[in-house]
């Protein structure tokens, strides 16, 4: 026997999915802005939609030089945060 969601359950699920999608959009915007501060862009960075009611960001592929530069920027940021504490 198949269980069908009630109208209230469907609406709650839709709200969760919509919120998750928006979380993904916000995360993409934040990451694009942070990368821009470092003079970097990930052209394939995008919101991949909600997955299990969670935002899901697709970072995409990049070459080794870009990945190494991104690692340097992240490490420098982590060091800076550590000194602020």
PDB file of N, CA and C in Angstrom:
ATOM      1  N   UNK A   1       0.827  -1.175   0.000  1.00  0.00           N
ATOM      2  CA  UNK A   1       0.000   0.000   0.000  1.00  0.00           C
ATOM      3  C   UNK A   1       0.878   1.247   0.000  1.00  0.00           C
ATOM      4  N   UNK A   2       0.577   2.174  -0.850  1.00  0.00           N
ATOM      5  CA  UNK A   2       1.357   3.388  -0.990  1.00  0.00           C
ATOM      6  C   UNK A   2       0.786   4.472  -0.084  1.00  0.00           C
ATOM      7  N   UNK A   3       1.682   5.108   0.660  1.00  0.00           N
ATOM      8  CA  UNK A   3       1.248   6.194   1.537  1.00  0.00           C
ATOM      9  C   UNK A   3       1.296   7.499   0.748  1.00  0.00           C
ATOM     10  N   UNK A   4       0.214   8.223   0.774  1.00  0.00           N
ATOM     11  CA  UNK A   4       0.180   9.522   0.099  1.00  0.00           C
ATOM     12  C   UNK A   4       0.254  10.618   1.145  1.00  0.00           C
ATOM     13  N   UNK A   5       1.088  11.606   0.851  1.00  0.00           N
ATOM     14  CA  UNK A   5       1.241  12.733   1.763  1.00  0.00           C
ATOM     15  C   UNK A   5      -0.035  13.566   1.806  1.00  0.00           C
ATOM     16  N   UNK A   6      -0.326  14.074   2.980  1.00  0.00           N
ATOM     17  CA  UNK A   6      -1.458  14.987   3.103  1.00  0.00           C
ATOM     18  C   UNK A   6      -1.061  16.331   2.509  1.00  0.00           C
ATOM     19  N   UNK A   7      -2.034  17.181   2.313  1.00  0.00           N
ATOM     20  CA  UNK A   7      -1.760  18.522   1.788  1.00  0.00           C
ATOM     21  C   UNK A   7      -0.778  19.255   2.707  1.00  0.00           C
ATOM     22  N   UNK A   8      -0.975  19.169   4.004  1.00  0.00           N
ATOM     23  CA  UNK A   8      -0.089  19.831   4.968  1.00  0.00           C
ATOM     24  C   UNK A   8       1.331  19.278   4.870  1.00  0.00           C
ATOM     25  N   UNK A   9       1.468  17.972   4.709  1.00  0.00           N
ATOM     26  CA  UNK A   9       2.798  17.362   4.582  1.00  0.00           C
ATOM     27  C   UNK A   9       3.481  17.795   3.295  1.00  0.00           C
ATOM     28  N   UNK A  10       2.714  17.850   2.209  1.00  0.00           N
ATOM     29  CA  UNK A  10       3.281  18.304   0.928  1.00  0.00           C
ATOM     30  C   UNK A  10       3.750  19.749   1.027  1.00  0.00           C
ATOM     31  N   UNK A  11       2.970  20.589   1.689  1.00  0.00           N
ATOM     32  CA  UNK A  11       3.334  22.005   1.837  1.00  0.00           C
ATOM     33  C   UNK A  11       4.583  22.155   2.707  1.00  0.00           C
ATOM     34  N   UNK A  12       4.658  21.368   3.782  1.00  0.00           N
ATOM     35  CA  UNK A  12       5.847  21.418   4.646  1.00  0.00           C
ATOM     36  C   UNK A  12       7.078  20.983   3.861  1.00  0.00           C
ATOM     37  N   UNK A  13       6.955  19.902   3.095  1.00  0.00           N
ATOM     38  CA  UNK A  13       8.067  19.412   2.275  1.00  0.00           C
ATOM     39  C   UNK A  13       8.492  20.471   1.261  1.00  0.00           C
ATOM     40  N   UNK A  14       7.523  21.111   0.615  1.00  0.00           N
ATOM     41  CA  UNK A  14       7.842  22.149  -0.368  1.00  0.00           C
ATOM     42  C   UNK A  14       8.574  23.311   0.290  1.00  0.00           C
ATOM     43  N   UNK A  15       8.128  23.706   1.485  1.00  0.00           N
ATOM     44  CA  UNK A  15       8.807  24.794   2.195  1.00  0.00           C
ATOM     45  C   UNK A  15      10.251  24.409   2.537  1.00  0.00           C
ATOM     46  N   UNK A  16      10.446  23.171   2.961  1.00  0.00           N
ATOM     47  CA  UNK A  16      11.798  22.699   3.267  1.00  0.00           C
ATOM     48  C   UNK A  16      12.679  22.703   2.017  1.00  0.00           C
ATOM     49  N   UNK A  17      12.125  22.234   0.914  1.00  0.00           N
ATOM     50  CA  UNK A  17      12.875  22.199  -0.342  1.00  0.00           C
ATOM     51  C   UNK A  17      13.192  23.610  -0.829  1.00  0.00           C
ATOM     52  N   UNK A  18      12.218  24.512  -0.730  1.00  0.00           N
ATOM     53  CA  UNK A  18      12.442  25.903  -1.146  1.00  0.00           C
ATOM     54  C   UNK A  18      13.525  26.552  -0.299  1.00  0.00           C
ATOM     55  N   UNK A  19      13.496  26.302   1.012  1.00  0.00           N
ATOM     56  CA  UNK A  19      14.501  26.866   1.906  1.00  0.00           C
ATOM     57  C   UNK A  19      15.880  26.287   1.594  1.00  0.00           C
ATOM     58  N   UNK A  20      15.931  24.996   1.301  1.00  0.00           N
ATOM     59  CA  UNK A  20      17.199  24.355   0.963  1.00  0.00           C
ATOM     60  C   UNK A  20      17.748  24.921  -0.343  1.00  0.00           C
ATOM     61  N   UNK A  21      16.881  25.139  -1.312  1.00  0.00           N
ATOM     62  CA  UNK A  21      17.316  25.731  -2.577  1.00  0.00           C
ATOM     63  C   UNK A  21      17.892  27.122  -2.329  1.00  0.00           C
ATOM     64  N   UNK A  22      17.219  27.920  -1.511  1.00  0.00           N
ATOM     65  CA  UNK A  22      17.704  29.270  -1.211  1.00  0.00           C
ATOM     66  C   UNK A  22      19.024  29.223  -0.460  1.00  0.00           C
ATOM     67  N   UNK A  23      19.183  28.259   0.439  1.00  0.00           N
ATOM     68  CA  UNK A  23      20.461  28.090   1.135  1.00  0.00           C
ATOM     69  C   UNK A  23      21.589  27.843   0.140  1.00  0.00           C
ATOM     70  N   UNK A  24      21.318  27.016  -0.857  1.00  0.00           N
ATOM     71  CA  UNK A  24      22.311  26.756  -1.896  1.00  0.00           C
ATOM     72  C   UNK A  24      22.639  28.007  -2.693  1.00  0.00           C
ATOM     73  N   UNK A  25      21.614  28.779  -3.054  1.00  0.00           N
ATOM     74  CA  UNK A  25      21.835  30.037  -3.782  1.00  0.00           C
ATOM     75  C   UNK A  25      22.696  30.989  -2.962  1.00  0.00           C
ATOM     76  N   UNK A  26      22.375  31.113  -1.684  1.00  0.00           N
ATOM     77  CA  UNK A  26      23.134  32.003  -0.800  1.00  0.00           C
ATOM     78  C   UNK A  26      24.585  31.544  -0.671  1.00  0.00           C
ATOM     79  N   UNK A  27      24.778  30.239  -0.549  1.00  0.00           N
ATOM     80  CA  UNK A  27      26.135  29.701  -0.432  1.00  0.00           C
ATOM     81  C   UNK A  27      26.946  29.976  -1.696  1.00  0.00           C
ATOM     82  N   UNK A  28      26.328  29.822  -2.865  1.00  0.00           N
ATOM     83  CA  UNK A  28      27.011  30.111  -4.125  1.00  0.00           C
ATOM     84  C   UNK A  28      27.415  31.582  -4.178  1.00  0.00           C
ATOM     85  N   UNK A  29      26.498  32.463  -3.828  1.00  0.00           N
ATOM     86  CA  UNK A  29      26.786  33.898  -3.835  1.00  0.00           C
ATOM     87  C   UNK A  29      27.922  34.225  -2.875  1.00  0.00           C
ATOM     88  N   UNK A  30      27.875  33.669  -1.673  1.00  0.00           N
ATOM     89  CA  UNK A  30      28.924  33.926  -0.688  1.00  0.00           C
ATOM     90  C   UNK A  30      30.281  33.422  -1.160  1.00  0.00           C
ATOM     91  N   UNK A  31      30.301  32.224  -1.734  1.00  0.00           N
ATOM     92  CA  UNK A  31      31.563  31.659  -2.201  1.00  0.00           C
ATOM     93  C   UNK A  31      32.099  32.435  -3.402  1.00  0.00           C
ATOM     94  N   UNK A  32      31.231  32.844  -4.319  1.00  0.00           N
ATOM     95  CA  UNK A  32      31.676  33.660  -5.449  1.00  0.00           C
ATOM     96  C   UNK A  32      32.303  34.961  -4.962  1.00  0.00           C
ATOM     97  N   UNK A  33      31.681  35.597  -3.977  1.00  0.00           N
ATOM     98  CA  UNK A  33      32.200  36.856  -3.440  1.00  0.00           C
ATOM     99  C   UNK A  33      33.553  36.640  -2.760  1.00  0.00           C
ATOM    100  N   UNK A  34      33.674  35.567  -1.987  1.00  0.00           N
ATOM    101  CA  UNK A  34      34.931  35.283  -1.308  1.00  0.00           C
ATOM    102  C   UNK A  34      36.048  34.982  -2.314  1.00  0.00           C
ATOM    103  N   UNK A  35      35.725  34.205  -3.328  1.00  0.00           N
ATOM    104  CA  UNK A  35      36.719  33.914  -4.365  1.00  0.00           C
ATOM    105  C   UNK A  35      37.124  35.181  -5.106  1.00  0.00           C
ATOM    106  N   UNK A  36      36.161  36.067  -5.364  1.00  0.00           N
ATOM    107  CA  UNK A  36      36.466  37.320  -6.059  1.00  0.00           C
ATOM    108  C   UNK A  36      37.445  38.174  -5.259  1.00  0.00           C
ATOM    109  N   UNK A  37      37.329  38.151  -3.931  1.00  0.00           N
ATOM    110  CA  UNK A  37      38.271  38.895  -3.090  1.00  0.00           C
ATOM    111  C   UNK A  37      39.702  38.407  -3.279  1.00  0.00           C
ATOM    112  N   UNK A  38      39.827  37.133  -3.611  1.00  0.00           N
ATOM    113  CA  UNK A  38      41.143  36.545  -3.850  1.00  0.00           C
ATOM    114  C   UNK A  38      41.518  36.592  -5.331  1.00  0.00           C
ATOM    115  N   UNK A  39      40.661  37.239  -6.149  1.00  0.00           N
ATOM    116  CA  UNK A  39      40.932  37.321  -7.584  1.00  0.00           C
ATOM    117  C   UNK A  39      40.727  36.007  -8.304  1.00  0.00           C
ATOM    118  N   UNK A  40      39.829  35.183  -7.794  1.00  0.00           N
ATOM    119  CA  UNK A  40      39.613  33.849  -8.349  1.00  0.00           C
ATOM    120  C   UNK A  40      38.147  33.667  -8.725  1.00  0.00           C
ATOM    121  N   UNK A  41      37.897  32.816  -9.707  1.00  0.00           N
ATOM    122  CA  UNK A  41      36.525  32.444 -10.062  1.00  0.00           C
ATOM    123  C   UNK A  41      36.483  30.951 -10.376  1.00  0.00           C
ATOM    124  N   UNK A  42      35.387  30.339 -10.036  1.00  0.00           N
ATOM    125  CA  UNK A  42      35.100  28.962 -10.436  1.00  0.00           C
ATOM    126  C   UNK A  42      33.914  29.046 -11.390  1.00  0.00           C
ATOM    127  N   UNK A  43      34.159  28.999 -12.705  1.00  0.00           N
ATOM    128  CA  UNK A  43      33.072  29.175 -13.664  1.00  0.00           C
ATOM    129  C   UNK A  43      31.944  28.163 -13.523  1.00  0.00           C
ATOM    130  N   UNK A  44      32.255  26.982 -13.035  1.00  0.00           N
ATOM    131  CA  UNK A  44      31.229  25.948 -12.942  1.00  0.00           C
ATOM    132  C   UNK A  44      30.542  25.911 -11.577  1.00  0.00           C
ATOM    133  N   UNK A  45      30.845  26.855 -10.696  1.00  0.00           N
ATOM    134  CA  UNK A  45      30.205  26.934  -9.386  1.00  0.00           C
ATOM    135  C   UNK A  45      28.722  27.208  -9.568  1.00  0.00           C
ATOM    136  N   UNK A  46      27.879  26.367  -8.982  1.00  0.00           N
ATOM    137  CA  UNK A  46      26.442  26.573  -9.142  1.00  0.00           C
ATOM    138  C   UNK A  46      25.654  25.875  -8.038  1.00  0.00           C
ATOM    139  N   UNK A  47      24.428  26.309  -7.896  1.00  0.00           N
ATOM    140  CA  UNK A  47      23.488  25.665  -6.987  1.00  0.00           C
ATOM    141  C   UNK A  47      22.965  24.428  -7.702  1.00  0.00           C
ATOM    142  N   UNK A  48      23.086  23.301  -7.046  1.00  0.00           N
ATOM    143  CA  UNK A  48      22.640  22.061  -7.674  1.00  0.00           C
ATOM    144  C   UNK A  48      21.274  21.633  -7.150  1.00  0.00           C
ATOM    145  N   UNK A  49      20.604  22.560  -6.484  1.00  0.00           N
ATOM    146  CA  UNK A  49      19.261  22.269  -5.997  1.00  0.00           C
ATOM    147  C   UNK A  49      19.288  21.550  -4.667  1.00  0.00           C
ATOM    148  N   UNK A  50      18.132  21.404  -4.073  1.00  0.00           N
ATOM    149  CA  UNK A  50      18.079  20.728  -2.784  1.00  0.00           C
ATOM    150  C   UNK A  50      18.279  19.221  -2.919  1.00  0.00           C
ATOM    151  N   UNK A  51      19.001  18.678  -1.954  1.00  0.00           N
ATOM    152  CA  UNK A  51      19.191  17.228  -1.863  1.00  0.00           C
ATOM    153  C   UNK A  51      18.824  16.844  -0.436  1.00  0.00           C
ATOM    154  N   UNK A  52      17.784  16.060  -0.304  1.00  0.00           N
ATOM    155  CA  UNK A  52      17.304  15.632   1.018  1.00  0.00           C
ATOM    156  C   UNK A  52      17.057  16.833   1.923  1.00  0.00           C
ATOM    157  N   UNK A  53      16.457  17.857   1.355  1.00  0.00           N
ATOM    158  CA  UNK A  53      16.104  19.088   2.076  1.00  0.00           C
ATOM    159  C   UNK A  53      17.313  19.862   2.589  1.00  0.00           C
ATOM    160  N   UNK A  54      18.443  19.706   1.915  1.00  0.00           N
ATOM    161  CA  UNK A  54      19.640  20.479   2.223  1.00  0.00           C
ATOM    162  C   UNK A  54      20.133  21.132   0.933  1.00  0.00           C
ATOM    163  N   UNK A  55      20.642  22.361   1.064  1.00  0.00           N
ATOM    164  CA  UNK A  55      21.236  23.011  -0.095  1.00  0.00           C
ATOM    165  C   UNK A  55      22.448  22.225  -0.560  1.00  0.00           C
ATOM    166  N   UNK A  56      22.665  22.192  -1.853  1.00  0.00           N
ATOM    167  CA  UNK A  56      23.766  21.428  -2.424  1.00  0.00           C
ATOM    168  C   UNK A  56      24.449  22.287  -3.471  1.00  0.00           C
ATOM    169  N   UNK A  57      25.721  22.572  -3.252  1.00  0.00           N
ATOM    170  CA  UNK A  57      26.487  23.435  -4.153  1.00  0.00           C
ATOM    171  C   UNK A  57      27.457  22.581  -4.946  1.00  0.00           C
ATOM    172  N   UNK A  58      27.407  22.725  -6.255  1.00  0.00           N
ATOM    173  CA  UNK A  58      28.337  22.005  -7.127  1.00  0.00           C
ATOM    174  C   UNK A  58      29.525  22.931  -7.391  1.00  0.00           C
ATOM    175  N   UNK A  59      30.690  22.500  -6.928  1.00  0.00           N
ATOM    176  CA  UNK A  59      31.886  23.311  -7.122  1.00  0.00           C
ATOM    177  C   UNK A  59      32.459  23.135  -8.521  1.00  0.00           C
ATOM    178  N   UNK A  60      32.282  21.995  -9.093  1.00  0.00           N
ATOM    179  CA  UNK A  60      32.765  21.769 -10.451  1.00  0.00           C
ATOM    180  C   UNK A  60      34.249  21.459 -10.476  1.00  0.00           C
ATOM    181  N   UNK A  61      34.744  21.276 -11.669  1.00  0.00           N
ATOM    182  CA  UNK A  61      36.148  20.928 -11.839  1.00  0.00           C
ATOM    183  C   UNK A  61      37.021  22.157 -12.027  1.00  0.00           C
ATOM    184  N   UNK A  62      38.297  21.977 -11.775  1.00  0.00           N
ATOM    185  CA  UNK A  62      39.271  23.030 -12.016  1.00  0.00           C
ATOM    186  C   UNK A  62      40.620  22.363 -12.253  1.00  0.00           C
ATOM    187  N   UNK A  63      41.544  23.135 -12.779  1.00  0.00           N
ATOM    188  CA  UNK A  63      42.870  22.560 -13.016  1.00  0.00           C
ATOM    189  C   UNK A  63      43.682  22.531 -11.721  1.00  0.00           C
ATOM    190  N   UNK A  64      44.796  21.830 -11.750  1.00  0.00           N
ATOM    191  CA  UNK A  64      45.613  21.648 -10.551  1.00  0.00           C
ATOM    192  C   UNK A  64      46.147  22.977 -10.025  1.00  0.00           C
ATOM    193  N   UNK A  65      46.515  23.884 -10.917  1.00  0.00           N
ATOM    194  CA  UNK A  65      47.045  25.181 -10.471  1.00  0.00           C
ATOM    195  C   UNK A  65      45.987  25.953  -9.687  1.00  0.00           C
ATOM    196  N   UNK A  66      44.754  25.936 -10.187  1.00  0.00           N
ATOM    197  CA  UNK A  66      43.676  26.626  -9.484  1.00  0.00           C
ATOM    198  C   UNK A  66      43.418  25.963  -8.133  1.00  0.00           C
ATOM    199  N   UNK A  67      43.390  24.646  -8.095  1.00  0.00           N
ATOM    200  CA  UNK A  67      43.148  23.927  -6.840  1.00  0.00           C
ATOM    201  C   UNK A  67      44.240  24.242  -5.818  1.00  0.00           C
ATOM    202  N   UNK A  68      45.487  24.294  -6.270  1.00  0.00           N
ATOM    203  CA  UNK A  68      46.583  24.635  -5.366  1.00  0.00           C
ATOM    204  C   UNK A  68      46.468  26.066  -4.858  1.00  0.00           C
ATOM    205  N   UNK A  69      46.099  26.989  -5.729  1.00  0.00           N
ATOM    206  CA  UNK A  69      45.913  28.387  -5.314  1.00  0.00           C
ATOM    207  C   UNK A  69      44.758  28.494  -4.319  1.00  0.00           C
ATOM    208  N   UNK A  70      43.673  27.800  -4.576  1.00  0.00           N
ATOM    209  CA  UNK A  70      42.530  27.800  -3.663  1.00  0.00           C
ATOM    210  C   UNK A  70      42.940  27.238  -2.299  1.00  0.00           C
ATOM    211  N   UNK A  71      43.741  26.194  -2.297  1.00  0.00           N
ATOM    212  CA  UNK A  71      44.235  25.625  -1.039  1.00  0.00           C
ATOM    213  C   UNK A  71      45.082  26.648  -0.280  1.00  0.00           C
ATOM    214  N   UNK A  72      45.898  27.413  -0.988  1.00  0.00           N
ATOM    215  CA  UNK A  72      46.722  28.450  -0.353  1.00  0.00           C
ATOM    216  C   UNK A  72      45.847  29.527   0.286  1.00  0.00           C
ATOM    217  N   UNK A  73      44.833  29.964  -0.444  1.00  0.00           N
ATOM    218  CA  UNK A  73      43.933  31.007   0.058  1.00  0.00           C
ATOM    219  C   UNK A  73      43.171  30.507   1.286  1.00  0.00           C
ATOM    220  N   UNK A  74      42.690  29.284   1.239  1.00  0.00           N
ATOM    221  CA  UNK A  74      41.952  28.723   2.371  1.00  0.00           C
ATOM    222  C   UNK A  74      42.883  28.592   3.583  1.00  0.00           C
ATOM    223  N   UNK A  75      44.097  28.113   3.358  1.00  0.00           N
ATOM    224  CA  UNK A  75      45.044  27.965   4.466  1.00  0.00           C
ATOM    225  C   UNK A  75      45.383  29.325   5.081  1.00  0.00           C
ATOM    226  N   UNK A  76      45.586  30.334   4.241  1.00  0.00           N
ATOM    227  CA  UNK A  76      45.888  31.670   4.750  1.00  0.00           C
ATOM    228  C   UNK A  76      44.710  32.214   5.553  1.00  0.00           C
ATOM    229  N   UNK A  77      43.495  31.994   5.063  1.00  0.00           N
ATOM    230  CA  UNK A  77      42.310  32.432   5.790  1.00  0.00           C
ATOM    231  C   UNK A  77      42.165  31.705   7.116  1.00  0.00           C
ATOM    232  N   UNK A  78      42.461  30.413   7.124  1.00  0.00           N
ATOM    233  CA  UNK A  78      42.377  29.638   8.361  1.00  0.00           C
ATOM    234  C   UNK A  78      43.402  30.125   9.368  1.00  0.00           C
ATOM    235  N   UNK A  79      44.614  30.443   8.886  1.00  0.00           N
ATOM    236  CA  UNK A  79      45.647  30.988   9.775  1.00  0.00           C
ATOM    237  C   UNK A  79      45.198  32.325  10.356  1.00  0.00           C
ATOM    238  N   UNK A  80      44.630  33.174   9.525  1.00  0.00           N
ATOM    239  CA  UNK A  80      44.169  34.487   9.987  1.00  0.00           C
ATOM    240  C   UNK A  80      43.064  34.334  11.037  1.00  0.00           C
ATOM    241  N   UNK A  81      42.159  33.409  10.829  1.00  0.00           N
ATOM    242  CA  UNK A  81      41.094  33.167  11.808  1.00  0.00           C
ATOM    243  C   UNK A  81      41.667  32.657  13.116  1.00  0.00           C
ATOM    244  N   UNK A  82      42.675  31.832  13.041  1.00  0.00           N
ATOM    245  CA  UNK A  82      43.278  31.262  14.247  1.00  0.00           C
ATOM    246  C   UNK A  82      43.921  32.366  15.098  1.00  0.00           C
ATOM    247  N   UNK A  83      44.517  33.366  14.467  1.00  0.00           N
ATOM    248  CA  UNK A  83      45.149  34.469  15.213  1.00  0.00           C
ATOM    249  C   UNK A  83      44.132  35.427  15.792  1.00  0.00           C
ATOM    250  N   UNK A  84      42.905  35.440  15.261  1.00  0.00           N
ATOM    251  CA  UNK A  84      41.853  36.313  15.785  1.00  0.00           C
ATOM    252  C   UNK A  84      41.264  35.789  17.086  1.00  0.00           C
ATOM    253  N   UNK A  85      41.430  34.524  17.349  1.00  0.00           N
ATOM    254  CA  UNK A  85      40.824  33.903  18.546  1.00  0.00           C
ATOM    255  C   UNK A  85      41.602  34.167  19.766  1.00  0.00           C
TER     256      UNK A  85
END
